Amino acid sequence: MIKLYRNMEQPHSWTAYVPEAGWVVFPATENGWEKRRPAHGLDPLHLREAPLSLAANTGLTKTAHTRTYSKVA
């Protein structure tokens, strides 16, 4: 599951952890997810987790992986 963060050092960008790709940063603009790039040198003191819905206009939620579970009989 993708986790979204706001980085206090980069107020106009989102930071996300993607299990298959690692840490990425992308602009907090419409379709910003398409411009994502690897994130380097992140300081955990400046990261604050945020709901994925806050980045809805960036295109992130269209690609976010959600777990689905089958009902067990």
Protein backbone atom coordinates (compact mmCIF):
# COMPACT_ATOMS: atom_id res chain seq x y z
CA MET A 1 0.00 0.00 0.00
CA ILE A 2 1.32 3.45 -0.92
CA LYS A 3 1.85 5.85 1.97
CA LEU A 4 1.73 9.60 1.41
CA TYR A 5 3.80 12.16 3.31
CA ARG A 6 4.18 15.92 3.41
CA ASN A 7 7.84 16.95 3.64
CA MET A 8 8.19 20.22 5.57
CA GLU A 9 11.40 20.95 3.61
CA GLN A 10 9.55 20.70 0.26
CA PRO A 11 6.15 22.37 0.79
CA HIS A 12 5.16 22.29 -2.91
CA SER A 13 5.76 18.55 -3.31
CA TRP A 14 4.44 15.28 -1.98
CA THR A 15 6.62 12.39 -0.84
CA ALA A 16 5.36 8.82 -1.05
CA TYR A 17 6.60 5.39 -0.12
CA VAL A 18 5.75 2.85 -2.81
CA PRO A 19 6.49 -0.76 -1.77
CA GLU A 20 7.65 -1.80 -5.26
CA ALA A 21 9.69 1.35 -5.97
CA GLY A 22 10.76 2.89 -2.65
CA TRP A 23 10.62 6.60 -1.86
CA VAL A 24 9.47 9.04 -4.55
CA VAL A 25 8.77 12.77 -4.66
CA PHE A 26 6.31 14.49 -7.00
CA PRO A 27 4.85 17.98 -7.46
CA ALA A 28 1.68 18.88 -5.56
CA THR A 29 0.03 19.90 -8.83
CA GLU A 30 -2.54 18.42 -11.16
CA ASN A 31 -1.14 15.19 -12.64
CA GLY A 32 2.03 15.64 -10.57
CA TRP A 33 2.28 11.85 -10.08
CA GLU A 34 3.36 11.58 -13.72
CA LYS A 35 6.44 13.68 -12.84
CA ARG A 36 7.53 11.55 -9.87
CA ARG A 37 11.22 10.88 -9.32
CA PRO A 38 13.26 8.96 -6.74
CA ALA A 39 13.61 10.76 -3.41
CA HIS A 40 17.04 11.00 -1.81
CA GLY A 41 18.28 12.36 1.52
CA LEU A 42 14.92 12.37 3.30
CA ASP A 43 14.97 13.49 6.92
CA PRO A 44 12.30 11.60 8.89
CA LEU A 45 11.97 14.56 11.26
CA HIS A 46 10.42 16.57 8.42
CA LEU A 47 7.98 13.92 7.14
CA ARG A 48 4.33 13.88 8.21
CA GLU A 49 2.03 11.11 7.01
CA ALA A 50 -1.09 12.33 5.19
CA PRO A 51 -4.23 10.66 3.79
CA LEU A 52 -3.96 9.68 0.12
CA SER A 53 -7.11 11.69 -0.60
CA LEU A 54 -5.19 14.94 -0.08
CA ALA A 55 -3.22 14.25 -3.25
CA ALA A 56 -6.27 13.28 -5.32
CA ASN A 57 -5.67 15.87 -8.06
CA THR A 58 -2.11 14.63 -8.65
CA GLY A 59 -3.21 11.31 -10.15
CA LEU A 60 -1.76 9.30 -7.26
CA THR A 61 -5.07 7.82 -6.11
CA LYS A 62 -5.74 6.44 -9.60
CA THR A 63 -2.63 4.29 -9.33
CA ALA A 64 -2.59 3.61 -5.60
CA HIS A 65 -2.52 -0.06 -4.77
CA THR A 66 -5.13 -1.18 -2.31
CA ARG A 67 -5.29 -4.58 -0.76
CA THR A 68 -8.36 -6.67 -1.33
CA TYR A 69 -9.21 -9.70 0.72
CA SER A 70 -11.35 -12.63 -0.24
CA LYS A 71 -13.99 -13.78 2.16
CA VAL A 72 -12.99 -17.07 3.73
CA ALA A 73 -15.77 -19.63 4.08
